[in-house]
Protein backbone atom coordinates (compact mmCIF):
# COMPACT_ATOMS: atom_id res chain seq x y z
CA MET A 1 -29.93 -13.22 -24.75
CA THR A 2 -32.66 -15.49 -23.40
CA ASN A 3 -35.58 -16.13 -25.74
CA LYS A 4 -38.84 -15.91 -23.77
CA GLN A 5 -41.13 -17.69 -26.23
CA THR A 6 -42.84 -20.84 -25.00
CA LEU A 7 -41.54 -24.03 -26.62
CA LYS A 8 -43.01 -27.11 -28.15
CA VAL A 9 -40.73 -30.09 -27.68
CA THR A 10 -41.44 -33.34 -29.47
CA VAL A 11 -39.82 -36.63 -28.47
CA ILE A 12 -39.72 -39.35 -31.10
CA GLY A 13 -39.51 -42.58 -29.12
CA GLY A 14 -41.37 -41.13 -26.13
CA GLY A 15 -41.82 -44.64 -24.75
CA SER A 16 -38.06 -44.98 -24.21
CA SER A 17 -36.97 -45.85 -20.71
CA TYR A 18 -34.69 -42.82 -20.86
CA THR A 19 -37.64 -40.38 -21.14
CA PRO A 20 -37.88 -39.80 -17.35
CA GLU A 21 -34.26 -38.63 -17.33
CA LEU A 22 -34.99 -36.33 -20.22
CA VAL A 23 -37.99 -34.93 -18.36
CA GLU A 24 -35.92 -34.51 -15.16
CA GLY A 25 -33.41 -32.44 -17.14
CA LEU A 26 -36.13 -30.32 -18.72
CA LEU A 27 -37.75 -29.65 -15.36
CA ALA A 28 -34.40 -28.71 -13.77
CA ARG A 29 -34.14 -26.06 -16.48
CA LYS A 30 -37.78 -24.93 -16.53
CA ASP A 31 -36.79 -21.31 -15.95
CA GLU A 32 -34.52 -21.27 -19.02
CA LEU A 33 -36.50 -23.66 -21.18
CA PRO A 34 -40.08 -22.30 -21.10
CA ILE A 35 -41.78 -25.44 -22.48
CA SER A 36 -45.55 -25.31 -22.72
CA ASN A 37 -46.16 -28.53 -24.64
CA LEU A 38 -44.28 -31.83 -24.51
CA TRP A 39 -45.26 -34.34 -27.16
CA LEU A 40 -44.33 -37.99 -26.71
CA VAL A 41 -44.52 -40.00 -29.94
CA ASP A 42 -44.37 -43.74 -30.25
CA ILE A 43 -45.65 -46.55 -32.45
CA ASP A 44 -48.64 -48.78 -31.75
CA ALA A 45 -46.42 -51.65 -30.60
CA GLY A 46 -44.80 -49.41 -27.98
CA MET A 47 -47.96 -47.67 -26.77
CA GLU A 48 -48.48 -49.78 -23.62
CA LYS A 49 -45.06 -48.88 -22.31
CA ALA A 50 -45.39 -45.26 -23.55
CA LYS A 51 -48.62 -44.78 -21.58
CA VAL A 52 -46.84 -45.80 -18.41
CA ILE A 53 -44.00 -43.34 -19.10
CA ALA A 54 -46.41 -40.53 -20.05
CA ALA A 55 -48.23 -41.00 -16.71
CA LEU A 56 -44.93 -40.89 -14.87
CA THR A 57 -43.96 -37.75 -16.84
CA GLU A 58 -47.18 -36.03 -15.74
CA ARG A 59 -46.51 -36.92 -12.08
CA MET A 60 -42.96 -35.52 -12.34
CA ILE A 61 -44.31 -32.28 -13.86
CA ALA A 62 -47.00 -31.99 -11.20
CA LYS A 63 -44.43 -32.49 -8.42
CA VAL A 64 -42.50 -29.33 -9.40
CA GLY A 65 -45.60 -27.38 -10.44
CA ALA A 66 -44.48 -26.75 -14.02
CA ASP A 67 -47.07 -25.58 -16.54
CA ILE A 68 -46.36 -28.19 -19.23
CA THR A 69 -49.05 -30.13 -21.05
CA VAL A 70 -48.09 -33.71 -21.97
CA HIS A 71 -49.43 -35.20 -25.18
CA LEU A 72 -49.04 -38.88 -26.09
CA THR A 73 -49.65 -39.89 -29.69
CA THR A 74 -48.84 -42.19 -32.56
CA ASP A 75 -49.55 -39.31 -34.93
CA ARG A 76 -46.03 -38.11 -35.68
CA LYS A 77 -47.06 -35.35 -38.07
CA THR A 78 -49.36 -33.70 -35.56
CA ALA A 79 -46.61 -33.89 -32.94
CA LEU A 80 -44.05 -32.34 -35.33
CA LYS A 81 -46.18 -29.44 -36.53
CA ASN A 82 -44.64 -26.17 -35.36
CA ALA A 83 -42.21 -27.90 -32.97
CA ASP A 84 -39.19 -25.96 -31.78
CA PHE A 85 -37.09 -28.98 -30.81
CA VAL A 86 -37.39 -32.59 -31.92
CA CYS A 87 -35.60 -35.19 -29.78
CA SER A 88 -34.96 -38.43 -31.63
CA GLN A 89 -34.44 -41.41 -29.32
CA PHE A 90 -36.34 -44.20 -31.04
CA ARG A 91 -35.05 -47.77 -31.50
CA ALA A 92 -35.98 -49.19 -34.91
CA GLY A 93 -37.21 -52.73 -34.34
CA ARG A 94 -37.27 -52.19 -30.55
CA ILE A 95 -35.16 -54.30 -28.22
CA GLU A 96 -36.07 -57.44 -30.16
CA ALA A 97 -34.00 -56.19 -33.11
CA ARG A 98 -30.96 -55.67 -30.88
CA LEU A 99 -31.34 -59.23 -29.53
CA ARG A 100 -31.35 -60.54 -33.09
CA ASP A 101 -28.33 -58.46 -34.09
CA GLU A 102 -26.23 -59.78 -31.22
CA ARG A 103 -27.35 -63.37 -31.82
CA ILE A 104 -26.48 -63.21 -35.55
CA ALA A 105 -23.11 -61.62 -34.96
CA LEU A 106 -22.11 -64.24 -32.42
CA LYS A 107 -23.39 -67.01 -34.68
CA TYR A 108 -20.83 -65.94 -37.29
CA LYS A 109 -18.08 -65.50 -34.67
CA MET A 110 -18.14 -61.71 -34.73
CA ILE A 111 -18.49 -59.11 -31.95
CA GLY A 112 -22.16 -58.42 -31.22
CA GLN A 113 -22.83 -54.77 -30.36
CA GLU A 114 -25.52 -52.25 -31.38
CA THR A 115 -23.24 -49.54 -32.65
CA ASN A 116 -20.14 -51.46 -33.72
CA GLY A 117 -19.42 -54.10 -36.38
CA LEU A 118 -22.25 -56.13 -37.94
CA GLY A 119 -24.72 -55.03 -35.25
CA GLY A 120 -23.93 -51.36 -35.85
CA PHE A 121 -24.32 -51.84 -39.59
CA SER A 122 -27.69 -53.59 -39.12
CA ASN A 123 -28.88 -50.93 -36.70
CA ALA A 124 -27.91 -48.15 -39.10
CA CYS A 125 -29.69 -49.80 -42.04
CA ARG A 126 -32.90 -50.07 -39.99
CA THR A 127 -32.68 -46.59 -38.48
CA ILE A 128 -31.45 -44.20 -41.22
CA PRO A 129 -34.47 -44.51 -43.53
CA ILE A 130 -36.83 -43.72 -40.62
CA ALA A 131 -34.62 -40.82 -39.50
CA LEU A 132 -34.74 -39.33 -42.97
CA GLU A 133 -38.56 -39.74 -43.07
CA ILE A 134 -38.77 -37.75 -39.85
CA ALA A 135 -36.45 -35.08 -41.25
CA LYS A 136 -38.54 -34.84 -44.44
CA GLU A 137 -41.68 -34.34 -42.33
CA MET A 138 -39.84 -31.65 -40.31
CA GLU A 139 -38.91 -29.83 -43.50
CA ASP A 140 -42.63 -29.48 -44.17
CA LEU A 141 -44.04 -29.10 -40.66
CA CYS A 142 -41.33 -27.35 -38.57
CA PRO A 143 -38.50 -26.30 -40.92
CA LYS A 144 -36.94 -24.00 -38.29
CA ALA A 145 -36.78 -26.64 -35.60
CA TRP A 146 -33.62 -28.30 -34.35
CA LEU A 147 -33.35 -32.07 -34.54
CA LEU A 148 -31.38 -33.43 -31.58
CA ASN A 149 -30.42 -36.97 -32.46
CA PHE A 150 -29.75 -39.49 -29.68
CA THR A 151 -30.82 -42.46 -31.80
CA ASN A 152 -28.04 -45.06 -32.26
CA PRO A 153 -25.78 -45.38 -34.10
CA SER A 154 -25.69 -41.65 -33.53
CA GLY A 155 -22.76 -40.80 -35.78
CA MET A 156 -24.10 -42.54 -38.85
CA VAL A 157 -27.63 -41.31 -38.34
CA THR A 158 -26.37 -37.76 -37.88
CA GLU A 159 -24.23 -38.07 -41.04
CA ALA A 160 -27.26 -39.19 -43.05
CA LEU A 161 -29.29 -36.27 -41.70
CA LEU A 162 -26.51 -33.72 -42.40
CA LYS A 163 -26.01 -34.91 -45.97
CA HIS A 164 -29.62 -35.66 -46.97
CA SER A 165 -31.73 -33.12 -45.16
CA THR A 166 -31.93 -29.34 -44.73
CA ILE A 167 -32.98 -29.57 -41.07
CA LYS A 168 -30.64 -28.19 -38.43
CA THR A 169 -29.24 -31.36 -36.85
CA VAL A 170 -26.85 -32.19 -34.07
CA GLY A 171 -26.11 -35.63 -32.57
CA LEU A 172 -25.34 -36.47 -28.94
CA CYS A 173 -23.78 -39.51 -27.26
CA ASN A 174 -23.16 -40.23 -23.58
CA VAL A 175 -19.63 -41.60 -24.06
CA PRO A 176 -17.89 -38.16 -23.91
CA ILE A 177 -20.22 -37.22 -21.08
CA ASN A 178 -19.07 -40.24 -19.06
CA MET A 179 -15.44 -39.43 -19.91
CA GLU A 180 -15.78 -35.89 -18.61
CA ARG A 181 -17.68 -36.91 -15.47
CA GLY A 182 -15.14 -39.69 -14.85
CA ALA A 183 -12.13 -37.46 -15.30
CA SER A 184 -13.44 -35.02 -12.70
CA LEU A 185 -13.92 -37.89 -10.24
CA MET A 186 -10.49 -39.36 -10.95
CA LEU A 187 -8.82 -35.98 -10.48
CA GLY A 188 -10.99 -35.00 -7.52
CA VAL A 189 -12.04 -31.68 -9.03
CA PRO A 190 -15.45 -30.27 -9.87
CA GLN A 191 -16.57 -31.10 -13.42
CA ASP A 192 -17.24 -27.44 -14.21
CA GLU A 193 -13.57 -26.70 -13.57
CA LEU A 194 -12.41 -29.10 -16.26
CA THR A 195 -12.14 -28.36 -19.95
CA MET A 196 -11.88 -31.56 -21.97
CA GLN A 197 -11.25 -31.63 -25.69
CA ILE A 198 -12.81 -34.66 -27.42
CA ALA A 199 -12.31 -35.64 -31.04
CA GLY A 200 -13.01 -38.59 -33.35
CA LEU A 201 -16.14 -40.37 -34.51
CA ASN A 202 -19.11 -41.58 -32.50
CA HIS A 203 -17.94 -44.40 -30.20
CA LEU A 204 -14.45 -43.86 -31.59
CA VAL A 205 -13.21 -40.78 -29.70
CA TRP A 206 -10.14 -39.77 -27.74
CA ALA A 207 -9.65 -37.06 -25.19
CA ARG A 208 -6.95 -34.81 -26.63
CA LYS A 209 -6.70 -32.47 -23.64
CA ILE A 210 -7.95 -32.49 -20.05
CA LEU A 211 -7.31 -28.98 -18.75
CA HIS A 212 -7.53 -27.83 -15.15
CA ASN A 213 -6.04 -24.63 -13.65
CA GLY A 214 -3.81 -24.02 -16.59
CA GLU A 215 -2.41 -27.60 -16.79
CA ASP A 216 -3.15 -30.57 -18.99
CA LYS A 217 -4.03 -33.45 -16.66
CA LEU A 218 -4.34 -36.09 -19.39
CA GLU A 219 -1.24 -38.02 -18.24
CA GLN A 220 -2.59 -38.15 -14.67
CA VAL A 221 -5.90 -39.51 -15.92
CA ASN A 222 -4.13 -42.22 -17.95
CA GLU A 223 -2.14 -43.16 -14.87
CA GLN A 224 -5.41 -43.51 -12.94
CA LEU A 225 -6.77 -45.78 -15.68
CA LEU A 226 -3.71 -48.01 -15.53
CA ALA A 227 -3.99 -48.14 -11.73
CA GLY A 228 -7.47 -49.59 -12.01
CA ASN A 229 -9.31 -46.43 -10.98
CA ASP A 230 -11.43 -46.19 -14.14
CA ARG A 231 -14.40 -43.86 -13.58
CA MET A 232 -14.89 -43.02 -17.26
CA THR A 233 -16.34 -46.27 -18.64
CA PRO A 234 -20.15 -46.39 -18.97
CA LYS A 235 -21.85 -48.91 -16.71
CA ASN A 236 -22.94 -51.08 -19.65
CA ILE A 237 -19.30 -52.01 -20.35
CA PRO A 238 -17.72 -54.68 -18.12
CA PRO A 239 -14.47 -53.78 -16.33
CA PHE A 240 -11.32 -54.20 -18.48
CA SER A 241 -7.68 -53.09 -18.51
CA TRP A 242 -5.79 -51.08 -21.10
CA ASN A 243 -2.43 -52.17 -22.38
CA GLU A 244 0.12 -50.23 -20.34
CA ASP A 245 2.59 -49.55 -23.12
CA LEU A 246 -0.21 -48.39 -25.46
CA LEU A 247 -1.74 -45.98 -22.97
CA LYS A 248 1.52 -44.51 -21.74
CA ASN A 249 2.70 -43.74 -25.26
CA MET A 250 -0.53 -42.71 -26.90
CA GLY A 251 -0.61 -39.11 -25.65
CA MET A 252 -4.41 -39.34 -25.63
CA THR A 253 -7.13 -40.94 -23.48
CA PRO A 254 -9.23 -43.44 -25.51
CA CYS A 255 -12.95 -43.93 -24.95
CA ALA A 256 -13.99 -47.36 -23.63
CA TYR A 257 -15.45 -48.44 -26.99
CA LEU A 258 -11.98 -48.41 -28.50
CA ARG A 259 -11.35 -51.67 -26.63
CA TYR A 260 -13.28 -53.29 -29.55
CA TYR A 261 -10.45 -52.20 -31.86
CA TYR A 262 -7.44 -52.41 -29.57
CA GLN A 263 -8.49 -55.64 -27.87
CA SER A 264 -10.77 -57.34 -30.42
CA ARG A 265 -9.84 -60.94 -29.70
CA ASP A 266 -10.11 -60.49 -25.92
CA ILE A 267 -13.59 -58.96 -26.25
CA ILE A 268 -14.92 -61.61 -28.66
CA ASN A 269 -13.64 -64.40 -26.39
CA LYS A 270 -15.54 -62.89 -23.45
CA GLU A 271 -18.70 -62.54 -25.57
CA PHE A 272 -18.53 -66.17 -26.66
CA GLU A 273 -18.07 -67.27 -23.07
CA ALA A 274 -21.08 -65.24 -22.01
CA SER A 275 -23.15 -66.61 -24.90
CA LYS A 276 -22.60 -70.11 -23.59
CA ASN A 277 -24.71 -69.07 -20.58
CA LYS A 278 -27.26 -67.58 -23.05
CA SER A 279 -26.40 -64.13 -21.70
CA ASN A 280 -25.43 -61.06 -23.64
CA ARG A 281 -25.78 -57.26 -23.30
CA ALA A 282 -29.10 -57.14 -25.13
CA ASP A 283 -30.56 -59.70 -22.68
CA LEU A 284 -29.41 -57.60 -19.76
CA VAL A 285 -30.87 -54.42 -21.34
CA ALA A 286 -34.20 -56.22 -21.83
CA LYS A 287 -34.26 -57.20 -18.17
CA ILE A 288 -33.40 -53.69 -16.97
CA GLU A 289 -36.14 -52.30 -19.22
CA ALA A 290 -38.66 -54.69 -17.68
CA ASP A 291 -37.56 -53.76 -14.22
CA LEU A 292 -37.80 -50.05 -15.06
CA LEU A 293 -41.28 -50.41 -16.51
CA GLU A 294 -42.46 -52.09 -13.33
CA LEU A 295 -41.02 -49.22 -11.30
CA TYR A 296 -42.50 -46.60 -13.65
CA SER A 297 -45.95 -48.20 -13.21
CA ASP A 298 -46.03 -47.35 -9.51
CA PRO A 299 -48.65 -44.57 -9.24
CA THR A 300 -46.74 -42.97 -6.31
CA LEU A 301 -43.45 -42.67 -8.24
CA ASP A 302 -42.79 -39.04 -9.30
CA THR A 303 -39.00 -39.03 -9.73
CA LYS A 304 -36.47 -40.74 -12.00
CA PRO A 305 -35.47 -44.11 -10.45
CA LYS A 306 -31.81 -44.55 -9.53
CA ILE A 307 -31.64 -47.87 -11.47
CA LEU A 308 -31.90 -45.88 -14.72
CA GLU A 309 -28.24 -44.96 -14.23
CA GLU A 310 -27.37 -48.62 -14.80
CA ARG A 311 -28.32 -48.21 -18.45
CA GLY A 312 -25.45 -47.50 -20.86
CA GLY A 313 -26.93 -44.17 -21.88
CA ALA A 314 -27.07 -42.71 -18.39
CA TYR A 315 -26.56 -38.95 -18.24
CA TYR A 316 -27.07 -38.33 -21.96
CA SER A 317 -30.60 -37.01 -21.38
CA ASP A 318 -29.34 -34.33 -18.94
CA ALA A 319 -26.72 -33.32 -21.51
CA ALA A 320 -29.44 -33.25 -24.15
CA CYS A 321 -31.39 -30.75 -22.10
CA GLU A 322 -28.28 -28.60 -21.64
CA LEU A 323 -27.76 -28.82 -25.42
CA MET A 324 -31.31 -27.61 -25.96
CA SER A 325 -30.89 -24.81 -23.48
CA SER A 326 -27.61 -23.71 -25.01
CA ILE A 327 -29.24 -23.49 -28.44
CA HIS A 328 -32.39 -21.77 -27.22
CA ASN A 329 -30.55 -19.25 -25.01
CA ASP A 330 -27.50 -18.88 -27.31
CA LYS A 331 -25.21 -19.81 -24.38
CA ARG A 332 -22.26 -20.63 -26.59
CA SER A 333 -21.41 -23.56 -24.28
CA ILE A 334 -18.73 -26.02 -25.26
CA MET A 335 -20.18 -29.50 -25.60
CA HIS A 336 -19.03 -32.74 -27.29
CA VAL A 337 -21.42 -33.44 -30.15
CA ASN A 338 -21.77 -35.06 -33.57
CA THR A 339 -21.72 -32.36 -36.20
CA ARG A 340 -20.25 -31.51 -39.60
CA ASN A 341 -16.46 -31.64 -39.62
CA ASN A 342 -15.76 -28.36 -41.43
CA GLY A 343 -12.01 -28.89 -41.02
CA ALA A 344 -12.00 -29.66 -37.31
CA ILE A 345 -10.25 -32.99 -37.86
CA GLN A 346 -7.54 -32.83 -40.51
CA GLY A 347 -7.63 -35.75 -42.92
CA LEU A 348 -11.43 -36.19 -43.01
CA PRO A 349 -13.92 -34.67 -45.54
CA ASP A 350 -15.39 -31.33 -44.45
CA ASP A 351 -18.96 -32.56 -45.00
CA CYS A 352 -18.76 -35.71 -42.92
CA ALA A 353 -20.07 -36.12 -39.34
CA VAL A 354 -17.49 -36.12 -36.54
CA GLU A 355 -17.76 -36.16 -32.78
CA VAL A 356 -15.87 -33.13 -31.48
CA SER A 357 -15.94 -30.46 -28.80
CA SER A 358 -17.98 -27.61 -30.28
CA VAL A 359 -19.37 -24.21 -29.45
CA ILE A 360 -23.19 -24.45 -29.28
CA THR A 361 -25.00 -21.33 -30.55
CA SER A 362 -28.57 -20.63 -31.54
CA SER A 363 -27.55 -20.34 -35.16
CA GLU A 364 -25.24 -23.29 -35.72
CA ILE A 365 -22.79 -25.71 -34.16
CA LEU A 366 -19.16 -24.54 -34.44
CA PRO A 367 -16.69 -27.46 -34.16
CA LEU A 368 -13.34 -26.67 -32.54
CA ASN A 369 -10.20 -27.52 -34.48
CA VAL A 370 -7.94 -30.22 -32.95
CA ALA A 371 -4.25 -30.87 -33.35
CA PRO A 372 -3.41 -33.44 -36.07
CA PHE A 373 -3.92 -37.00 -34.91
CA PRO A 374 -0.95 -39.41 -34.89
CA THR A 375 -0.79 -41.10 -38.28
CA ASP A 376 -1.83 -44.56 -37.02
CA THR A 377 -4.86 -43.18 -35.22
CA LEU A 378 -5.87 -41.04 -38.18
CA ARG A 379 -5.78 -44.13 -40.42
CA LEU A 380 -8.19 -45.94 -38.07
CA ILE A 381 -10.48 -42.90 -38.05
CA GLN A 382 -10.37 -42.67 -41.84
CA LEU A 383 -11.09 -46.36 -42.20
CA MET A 384 -14.08 -46.16 -39.90
CA LYS A 385 -15.36 -43.01 -41.65
CA GLU A 386 -15.29 -44.85 -44.94
CA PHE A 387 -17.23 -47.75 -43.26
CA GLU A 388 -19.76 -45.18 -42.06
CA THR A 389 -20.01 -43.48 -45.46
CA LEU A 390 -20.60 -46.78 -47.28
CA THR A 391 -23.12 -47.91 -44.64
CA VAL A 392 -25.17 -44.71 -45.06
CA LYS A 393 -25.15 -45.27 -48.84
CA ALA A 394 -26.21 -48.89 -48.41
CA ALA A 395 -29.00 -47.97 -45.95
CA ILE A 396 -30.46 -45.32 -48.25
CA GLU A 397 -30.08 -47.04 -51.59
CA GLY A 398 -30.16 -50.74 -50.72
CA ASP A 399 -26.78 -50.89 -52.41
CA LEU A 400 -25.50 -54.47 -51.95
CA ASN A 401 -22.00 -53.60 -53.12
CA ALA A 402 -21.74 -50.73 -50.67
CA ALA A 403 -22.93 -53.05 -47.89
CA HIS A 404 -20.31 -55.67 -48.62
CA ARG A 405 -17.51 -53.09 -48.95
CA ALA A 406 -18.56 -51.49 -45.64
CA LEU A 407 -18.48 -54.76 -43.77
CA ILE A 408 -15.19 -55.91 -45.29
CA LEU A 409 -13.56 -52.59 -44.33
CA ASN A 410 -14.68 -52.76 -40.66
CA PRO A 411 -11.77 -54.10 -38.61
CA ILE A 412 -14.01 -55.93 -36.19
CA VAL A 413 -15.89 -57.72 -38.96
CA ASP A 414 -13.41 -60.35 -40.12
CA SER A 415 -13.43 -61.06 -43.84
CA GLY A 416 -14.54 -64.30 -45.45
CA SER A 417 -17.42 -66.00 -47.23
CA HIS A 418 -19.44 -65.94 -43.98
CA ILE A 419 -20.00 -62.21 -44.41
CA GLN A 420 -22.42 -62.90 -47.25
CA ASP A 421 -24.36 -65.42 -45.12
CA ALA A 422 -24.32 -63.08 -42.11
CA PHE A 423 -25.53 -60.15 -44.22
CA GLU A 424 -28.33 -62.19 -45.86
CA GLU A 425 -29.51 -63.46 -42.53
CA THR A 426 -29.42 -59.90 -41.13
CA VAL A 427 -31.61 -58.68 -44.03
CA ARG A 428 -33.98 -61.64 -43.68
CA GLU A 429 -34.44 -61.01 -39.98
CA ASN A 430 -34.92 -57.27 -40.49
CA ILE A 431 -36.74 -57.07 -43.82
CA GLU A 432 -39.61 -55.09 -42.31
CA TYR A 433 -37.10 -52.28 -41.59
CA MET A 434 -34.83 -52.84 -44.57
CA PRO A 435 -37.21 -52.92 -47.57
CA ALA A 436 -34.52 -51.38 -49.76
CA PHE A 437 -32.63 -54.71 -49.46
CA ALA A 438 -35.61 -56.91 -50.45
CA HIS A 439 -33.89 -57.69 -53.77
CA VAL A 440 -31.19 -59.60 -51.84
CA LEU A 441 -33.74 -62.20 -50.80
CA LYS A 442 -35.15 -62.65 -54.28
CA LYS A 443 -31.99 -64.13 -55.70
């Protein structure tokens, strides 16, 4: 049953370049999401960019004639008070922190990436304390609100929120969204006719079933991948090929990020080659962001620019709006989200965060049980879940032992004495966002 109350939606990280896509999705659903107030929150350092995006937001709203008031502020508590939905899409340390993460990882001959390996660890340690601050403020100011987390690394941030907050929380990532869109294109069928079952951890998921007209089309999709017709990989990931024997015998369709684990040496060689030209993914993102900001500044622009789809997170914002609508209207849609396991994946703790296909209701997220994973795949999932669990502990407590154990466990962080040096440099470069680790630098 549709809830007719007007809504207050608060976006933490309102100056994100993705905000126009979020606004586009909200406006497309204005009849089912009766938003009266949209609050965009950012920090002082991001206010110049946030003002440009707020102005574009107002033009987009005016174009469709929606009755939504836009508020731009650095006062997070005012923005959170009595909110119905809080969308978290901030980047702790901004793009500069991502640039540092990738540079440090490559310096120590490790893969540089914002959600994987050393970079993912660093990002989590910067982000989780802020996410928990926001959740604590929500407990006081809008305890009934839903927190929709899109902030990376989404799985670890969502796990921290689920375990250390009472706020209703669900995480979202665009990787399953791209997999579903891509599968429909590869099969030549409308997306709404497909039912895809996704399971794993954030950026570590597999499609377990791809159902259409009573048949599982997973094998056909894998054949298309091997034939070079990959439509599932996000645009931020360069083209690559899967091992034929692996894919034919897996019985699942892996997400593109699994190439970091199945093809680690190939990936790191490519990253080192790119670094010789002083080029990496963070540099490209920074350039796209600058180009987007220039476009957003055009006073005649009142739609989302097409170039935004070149960002790695393309389409997540539209899915976020559908998630919001499904919660508000109790649609009971099936979506692929980060939520509490509750037995959905056998072999993982019930209270940990997993990324699985789930039924979205106004009361809670109901994860759908999946068939047991093959033993070797389950061991990888368990290993990465332990990495995530230790990283969350390290981020919250500044636990040096947990940090070291997490990094040593991660299969794309090779072990050796350089881990200590890499970790200390990471802390030194991020100390403003990792005060819990200040004791490391006092030794």
